[in-house]
PDB file of N, CA and C in Angstrom:
ATOM      1  N   MET A   1       1.524  15.632   3.557  1.00  0.00           N
ATOM      2  CA  MET A   1       0.996  16.428   2.307  1.00  0.00           C
ATOM      3  C   MET A   1      -0.250  16.227   2.104  1.00  0.00           C
ATOM      4  N   LEU A   2      -0.844  15.197   2.277  1.00  0.00           N
ATOM      5  CA  LEU A   2      -2.248  15.018   1.807  1.00  0.00           C
ATOM      6  C   LEU A   2      -3.160  15.883   2.632  1.00  0.00           C
ATOM      7  N   GLU A   3      -2.788  15.893   3.878  1.00  0.00           N
ATOM      8  CA  GLU A   3      -3.573  16.761   4.742  1.00  0.00           C
ATOM      9  C   GLU A   3      -3.442  18.221   4.392  1.00  0.00           C
ATOM     10  N   GLU A   4      -2.340  18.661   3.715  1.00  0.00           N
ATOM     11  CA  GLU A   4      -2.049  19.977   3.284  1.00  0.00           C
ATOM     12  C   GLU A   4      -3.100  20.512   2.093  1.00  0.00           C
ATOM     13  N   LEU A   5      -3.145  19.355   1.253  1.00  0.00           N
ATOM     14  CA  LEU A   5      -3.793  19.459  -0.036  1.00  0.00           C
ATOM     15  C   LEU A   5      -5.480  19.580   0.230  1.00  0.00           C
ATOM     16  N   SER A   6      -5.843  18.809   1.174  1.00  0.00           N
ATOM     17  CA  SER A   6      -7.301  18.685   1.257  1.00  0.00           C
ATOM     18  C   SER A   6      -7.741  18.146   2.686  1.00  0.00           C
ATOM     19  N   LYS A   7      -8.638  18.330   3.258  1.00  0.00           N
ATOM     20  CA  LYS A   7      -9.322  17.832   4.561  1.00  0.00           C
ATOM     21  C   LYS A   7      -9.941  16.626   4.085  1.00  0.00           C
ATOM     22  N   GLU A   8     -10.379  16.338   2.770  1.00  0.00           N
ATOM     23  CA  GLU A   8     -11.091  15.082   2.468  1.00  0.00           C
ATOM     24  C   GLU A   8      -9.917  13.963   2.455  1.00  0.00           C
ATOM     25  N   SER A   9     -10.642  12.787   2.496  1.00  0.00           N
ATOM     26  CA  SER A   9      -9.795  11.549   2.447  1.00  0.00           C
ATOM     27  C   SER A   9      -9.391  11.361   0.889  1.00  0.00           C
ATOM     28  N   MET A  10      -8.187  11.599   0.481  1.00  0.00           N
ATOM     29  CA  MET A  10      -7.633  11.332  -0.838  1.00  0.00           C
ATOM     30  C   MET A  10      -7.347   9.927  -1.020  1.00  0.00           C
ATOM     31  N   PRO A  11      -7.446   9.491  -2.232  1.00  0.00           N
ATOM     32  CA  PRO A  11      -6.755   8.087  -2.510  1.00  0.00           C
ATOM     33  C   PRO A  11      -5.298   8.355  -2.691  1.00  0.00           C
ATOM     34  N   ILE A  12      -4.551   7.284  -2.363  1.00  0.00           N
ATOM     35  CA  ILE A  12      -3.042   7.070  -2.779  1.00  0.00           C
ATOM     36  C   ILE A  12      -2.721   6.085  -3.649  1.00  0.00           C
ATOM     37  N   ILE A  13      -2.181   6.461  -4.949  1.00  0.00           N
ATOM     38  CA  ILE A  13      -1.833   5.670  -5.951  1.00  0.00           C
ATOM     39  C   ILE A  13      -0.497   5.436  -6.103  1.00  0.00           C
ATOM     40  N   LEU A  14       0.064   4.246  -5.858  1.00  0.00           N
ATOM     41  CA  LEU A  14       1.523   3.802  -5.999  1.00  0.00           C
ATOM     42  C   LEU A  14       1.679   2.830  -7.056  1.00  0.00           C
ATOM     43  N   ASP A  15       2.281   3.296  -8.061  1.00  0.00           N
ATOM     44  CA  ASP A  15       2.605   2.475  -9.319  1.00  0.00           C
ATOM     45  C   ASP A  15       3.992   1.902  -9.288  1.00  0.00           C
ATOM     46  N   GLU A  16       4.147   0.594  -8.936  1.00  0.00           N
ATOM     47  CA  GLU A  16       5.510   0.077  -8.943  1.00  0.00           C
ATOM     48  C   GLU A  16       6.373   0.828  -8.047  1.00  0.00           C
ATOM     49  N   ALA A  17       5.780   1.432  -7.088  1.00  0.00           N
ATOM     50  CA  ALA A  17       6.635   2.083  -6.127  1.00  0.00           C
ATOM     51  C   ALA A  17       7.563   1.380  -5.287  1.00  0.00           C
ATOM     52  N   PHE A  18       7.620   0.038  -5.067  1.00  0.00           N
ATOM     53  CA  PHE A  18       8.264  -0.775  -4.090  1.00  0.00           C
ATOM     54  C   PHE A  18       9.129  -1.565  -5.089  1.00  0.00           C
ATOM     55  N   ALA A  19       9.464  -1.390  -6.453  1.00  0.00           N
ATOM     56  CA  ALA A  19      10.205  -2.394  -7.247  1.00  0.00           C
ATOM     57  C   ALA A  19      11.424  -2.710  -6.676  1.00  0.00           C
ATOM     58  N   TYR A  20      12.154  -1.700  -5.990  1.00  0.00           N
ATOM     59  CA  TYR A  20      13.753  -1.998  -5.637  1.00  0.00           C
ATOM     60  C   TYR A  20      13.694  -2.232  -3.939  1.00  0.00           C
ATOM     61  N   TYR A  21      12.361  -2.408  -3.328  1.00  0.00           N
ATOM     62  CA  TYR A  21      12.476  -2.694  -1.919  1.00  0.00           C
ATOM     63  C   TYR A  21      12.875  -4.196  -1.794  1.00  0.00           C
ATOM     64  N   ASP A  22      13.645  -4.313  -0.609  1.00  0.00           N
ATOM     65  CA  ASP A  22      13.718  -5.607  -0.390  1.00  0.00           C
ATOM     66  C   ASP A  22      12.650  -6.163   0.642  1.00  0.00           C
ATOM     67  N   GLU A  23      12.657  -7.509   0.882  1.00  0.00           N
ATOM     68  CA  GLU A  23      11.299  -7.915   1.644  1.00  0.00           C
ATOM     69  C   GLU A  23      11.004  -7.069   3.169  1.00  0.00           C
ATOM     70  N   GLU A  24      12.131  -6.892   3.846  1.00  0.00           N
ATOM     71  CA  GLU A  24      12.104  -6.158   5.033  1.00  0.00           C
ATOM     72  C   GLU A  24      11.493  -4.690   4.811  1.00  0.00           C
ATOM     73  N   ARG A  25      12.061  -4.008   3.882  1.00  0.00           N
ATOM     74  CA  ARG A  25      11.523  -2.761   3.777  1.00  0.00           C
ATOM     75  C   ARG A  25       9.888  -2.617   3.100  1.00  0.00           C
ATOM     76  N   LEU A  26       9.863  -3.580   2.149  1.00  0.00           N
ATOM     77  CA  LEU A  26       8.339  -3.822   1.736  1.00  0.00           C
ATOM     78  C   LEU A  26       7.460  -4.030   2.771  1.00  0.00           C
ATOM     79  N   THR A  27       7.711  -5.005   3.664  1.00  0.00           N
ATOM     80  CA  THR A  27       6.811  -5.418   4.989  1.00  0.00           C
ATOM     81  C   THR A  27       6.721  -3.957   5.765  1.00  0.00           C
ATOM     82  N   ASN A  28       7.807  -3.234   6.151  1.00  0.00           N
ATOM     83  CA  ASN A  28       7.636  -2.225   6.941  1.00  0.00           C
ATOM     84  C   ASN A  28       6.706  -1.138   6.304  1.00  0.00           C
ATOM     85  N   ILE A  29       6.946  -0.842   4.874  1.00  0.00           N
ATOM     86  CA  ILE A  29       6.139   0.257   4.303  1.00  0.00           C
ATOM     87  C   ILE A  29       4.766  -0.024   4.203  1.00  0.00           C
ATOM     88  N   LEU A  30       4.335  -1.316   3.947  1.00  0.00           N
ATOM     89  CA  LEU A  30       2.969  -1.876   3.889  1.00  0.00           C
ATOM     90  C   LEU A  30       2.241  -1.670   5.108  1.00  0.00           C
ATOM     91  N   ASN A  31       3.102  -2.127   6.236  1.00  0.00           N
ATOM     92  CA  ASN A  31       2.590  -2.004   7.717  1.00  0.00           C
ATOM     93  C   ASN A  31       2.171  -0.484   7.946  1.00  0.00           C
ATOM     94  N   TYR A  32       3.259   0.345   7.587  1.00  0.00           N
ATOM     95  CA  TYR A  32       3.047   1.813   7.869  1.00  0.00           C
ATOM     96  C   TYR A  32       1.928   2.442   7.160  1.00  0.00           C
ATOM     97  N   LEU A  33       1.750   2.126   5.729  1.00  0.00           N
ATOM     98  CA  LEU A  33       0.582   2.578   5.077  1.00  0.00           C
ATOM     99  C   LEU A  33      -0.646   2.316   5.840  1.00  0.00           C
ATOM    100  N   ASN A  34      -0.758   0.855   6.175  1.00  0.00           N
ATOM    101  CA  ASN A  34      -1.876   0.295   6.865  1.00  0.00           C
ATOM    102  C   ASN A  34      -2.361   1.024   8.042  1.00  0.00           C
ATOM    103  N   THR A  35      -1.104   1.535   8.795  1.00  0.00           N
ATOM    104  CA  THR A  35      -1.514   1.944  10.250  1.00  0.00           C
ATOM    105  C   THR A  35      -1.804   3.568  10.013  1.00  0.00           C
ATOM    106  N   GLN A  36      -1.015   4.132   9.103  1.00  0.00           N
ATOM    107  CA  GLN A  36      -1.110   5.595   9.087  1.00  0.00           C
ATOM    108  C   GLN A  36      -2.137   6.266   8.246  1.00  0.00           C
ATOM    109  N   PHE A  37      -2.597   5.451   7.284  1.00  0.00           N
ATOM    110  CA  PHE A  37      -3.816   6.107   6.267  1.00  0.00           C
ATOM    111  C   PHE A  37      -4.887   5.280   6.191  1.00  0.00           C
ATOM    112  N   LYS A  38      -5.403   4.716   7.360  1.00  0.00           N
ATOM    113  CA  LYS A  38      -6.711   4.059   7.318  1.00  0.00           C
ATOM    114  C   LYS A  38      -7.750   4.705   6.553  1.00  0.00           C
ATOM    115  N   GLU A  39      -7.956   5.996   6.780  1.00  0.00           N
ATOM    116  CA  GLU A  39      -9.024   6.731   6.009  1.00  0.00           C
ATOM    117  C   GLU A  39      -8.841   6.804   4.408  1.00  0.00           C
ATOM    118  N   ASN A  40      -7.683   6.434   4.098  1.00  0.00           N
ATOM    119  CA  ASN A  40      -7.370   6.814   2.649  1.00  0.00           C
ATOM    120  C   ASN A  40      -7.513   5.263   1.849  1.00  0.00           C
ATOM    121  N   GLN A  41      -8.056   5.504   0.720  1.00  0.00           N
ATOM    122  CA  GLN A  41      -8.013   4.193  -0.175  1.00  0.00           C
ATOM    123  C   GLN A  41      -6.485   4.290  -0.687  1.00  0.00           C
ATOM    124  N   ILE A  42      -5.743   3.022  -0.698  1.00  0.00           N
ATOM    125  CA  ILE A  42      -4.600   2.982  -1.256  1.00  0.00           C
ATOM    126  C   ILE A  42      -4.591   1.880  -2.343  1.00  0.00           C
ATOM    127  N   ILE A  43      -4.235   2.438  -3.610  1.00  0.00           N
ATOM    128  CA  ILE A  43      -4.105   1.555  -4.610  1.00  0.00           C
ATOM    129  C   ILE A  43      -2.732   1.370  -5.038  1.00  0.00           C
ATOM    130  N   ILE A  44      -2.274   0.237  -5.021  1.00  0.00           N
ATOM    131  CA  ILE A  44      -1.016  -0.554  -5.349  1.00  0.00           C
ATOM    132  C   ILE A  44      -0.943  -1.182  -6.729  1.00  0.00           C
ATOM    133  N   LEU A  45      -0.233  -0.674  -7.828  1.00  0.00           N
ATOM    134  CA  LEU A  45      -0.190  -1.139  -9.148  1.00  0.00           C
ATOM    135  C   LEU A  45       1.309  -1.920  -9.028  1.00  0.00           C
ATOM    136  N   THR A  46       1.343  -3.259  -9.395  1.00  0.00           N
ATOM    137  CA  THR A  46       2.619  -4.015  -9.299  1.00  0.00           C
ATOM    138  C   THR A  46       2.298  -5.176 -10.504  1.00  0.00           C
ATOM    139  N   CYS A  47       3.396  -5.663 -10.771  1.00  0.00           N
ATOM    140  CA  CYS A  47       3.374  -6.809 -11.550  1.00  0.00           C
ATOM    141  C   CYS A  47       3.902  -8.062 -10.943  1.00  0.00           C
ATOM    142  N   THR A  48       4.110  -8.017  -9.479  1.00  0.00           N
ATOM    143  CA  THR A  48       4.686  -9.075  -8.755  1.00  0.00           C
ATOM    144  C   THR A  48       3.701  -9.426  -7.702  1.00  0.00           C
ATOM    145  N   ASN A  49       3.843 -10.505  -7.189  1.00  0.00           N
ATOM    146  CA  ASN A  49       2.892 -11.035  -5.963  1.00  0.00           C
ATOM    147  C   ASN A  49       3.445 -10.785  -4.627  1.00  0.00           C
ATOM    148  N   ARG A  50       4.646  -9.960  -4.521  1.00  0.00           N
ATOM    149  CA  ARG A  50       5.277  -9.713  -3.249  1.00  0.00           C
ATOM    150  C   ARG A  50       4.485  -9.188  -2.231  1.00  0.00           C
ATOM    151  N   GLU A  51       3.722  -8.004  -2.786  1.00  0.00           N
ATOM    152  CA  GLU A  51       2.911  -7.274  -1.902  1.00  0.00           C
ATOM    153  C   GLU A  51       1.757  -8.226  -1.396  1.00  0.00           C
ATOM    154  N   LYS A  52       1.020  -8.857  -2.148  1.00  0.00           N
ATOM    155  CA  LYS A  52       0.036  -9.928  -1.865  1.00  0.00           C
ATOM    156  C   LYS A  52       0.331 -10.607  -0.821  1.00  0.00           C
ATOM    157  N   LYS A  53       1.702 -11.335  -0.884  1.00  0.00           N
ATOM    158  CA  LYS A  53       2.085 -12.372   0.141  1.00  0.00           C
ATOM    159  C   LYS A  53       2.311 -11.604   1.361  1.00  0.00           C
ATOM    160  N   ILE A  54       2.877 -10.385   1.314  1.00  0.00           N
ATOM    161  CA  ILE A  54       3.231  -9.590   2.602  1.00  0.00           C
ATOM    162  C   ILE A  54       1.951  -9.160   3.349  1.00  0.00           C
ATOM    163  N   LEU A  55       1.017  -8.929   2.536  1.00  0.00           N
ATOM    164  CA  LEU A  55      -0.258  -8.310   3.155  1.00  0.00           C
ATOM    165  C   LEU A  55      -0.930  -9.485   3.796  1.00  0.00           C
ATOM    166  N   ASP A  56      -1.118 -10.598   3.193  1.00  0.00           N
ATOM    167  CA  ASP A  56      -1.620 -11.934   3.685  1.00  0.00           C
ATOM    168  C   ASP A  56      -0.763 -12.250   5.060  1.00  0.00           C
ATOM    169  N   ASN A  57       0.576 -12.236   5.072  1.00  0.00           N
ATOM    170  CA  ASN A  57       1.340 -12.451   6.116  1.00  0.00           C
ATOM    171  C   ASN A  57       1.044 -11.561   7.300  1.00  0.00           C
ATOM    172  N   LEU A  58       0.861 -10.282   7.050  1.00  0.00           N
ATOM    173  CA  LEU A  58       0.533  -9.318   8.012  1.00  0.00           C
ATOM    174  C   LEU A  58      -0.966  -9.395   8.333  1.00  0.00           C
ATOM    175  N   LYS A  59      -1.791 -10.022   7.617  1.00  0.00           N
ATOM    176  CA  LYS A  59      -3.402 -10.153   7.859  1.00  0.00           C
ATOM    177  C   LYS A  59      -4.047  -8.849   7.820  1.00  0.00           C
ATOM    178  N   ILE A  60      -3.450  -8.102   6.716  1.00  0.00           N
ATOM    179  CA  ILE A  60      -4.090  -6.766   6.518  1.00  0.00           C
ATOM    180  C   ILE A  60      -5.109  -7.266   5.257  1.00  0.00           C
ATOM    181  N   GLU A  61      -6.338  -6.812   5.425  1.00  0.00           N
ATOM    182  CA  GLU A  61      -7.453  -6.759   4.593  1.00  0.00           C
ATOM    183  C   GLU A  61      -7.250  -5.828   3.359  1.00  0.00           C
ATOM    184  N   TYR A  62      -7.421  -6.504   2.271  1.00  0.00           N
ATOM    185  CA  TYR A  62      -7.331  -5.881   1.103  1.00  0.00           C
ATOM    186  C   TYR A  62      -8.257  -6.365  -0.097  1.00  0.00           C
ATOM    187  N   ASN A  63      -8.392  -5.561  -1.230  1.00  0.00           N
ATOM    188  CA  ASN A  63      -9.059  -6.319  -2.346  1.00  0.00           C
ATOM    189  C   ASN A  63      -7.891  -6.443  -3.558  1.00  0.00           C
ATOM    190  N   ASN A  64      -7.985  -7.733  -4.194  1.00  0.00           N
ATOM    191  CA  ASN A  64      -7.030  -7.785  -5.292  1.00  0.00           C
ATOM    192  C   ASN A  64      -7.693  -8.026  -6.555  1.00  0.00           C
ATOM    193  N   ILE A  65      -7.322  -7.263  -7.618  1.00  0.00           N
ATOM    194  CA  ILE A  65      -8.039  -7.012  -8.762  1.00  0.00           C
ATOM    195  C   ILE A  65      -6.795  -7.420  -9.641  1.00  0.00           C
ATOM    196  N   GLU A  66      -6.891  -8.225 -10.676  1.00  0.00           N
ATOM    197  CA  GLU A  66      -5.974  -8.904 -11.623  1.00  0.00           C
ATOM    198  C   GLU A  66      -6.399  -8.563 -13.063  1.00  0.00           C
ATOM    199  N   MET A  67      -5.499  -7.939 -13.663  1.00  0.00           N
ATOM    200  CA  MET A  67      -5.677  -7.570 -15.149  1.00  0.00           C
ATOM    201  C   MET A  67      -5.016  -8.366 -16.082  1.00  0.00           C
TER     202      MET A  67
END
């Protein structure tokens, strides 16, 4: 859908999108996002540390901003 909207690299913003994912599904989707959307900035808003732990385990580079 992103490619249909624009040829530019648009950011992807996910707000608590994975709240009901188990660890396996969360790992799979974070790995998928990392491999399929390398040209996009992906912003994940969450109130847990699950994503951070999985990104660390997968050795995926990211910036963490806590508010």
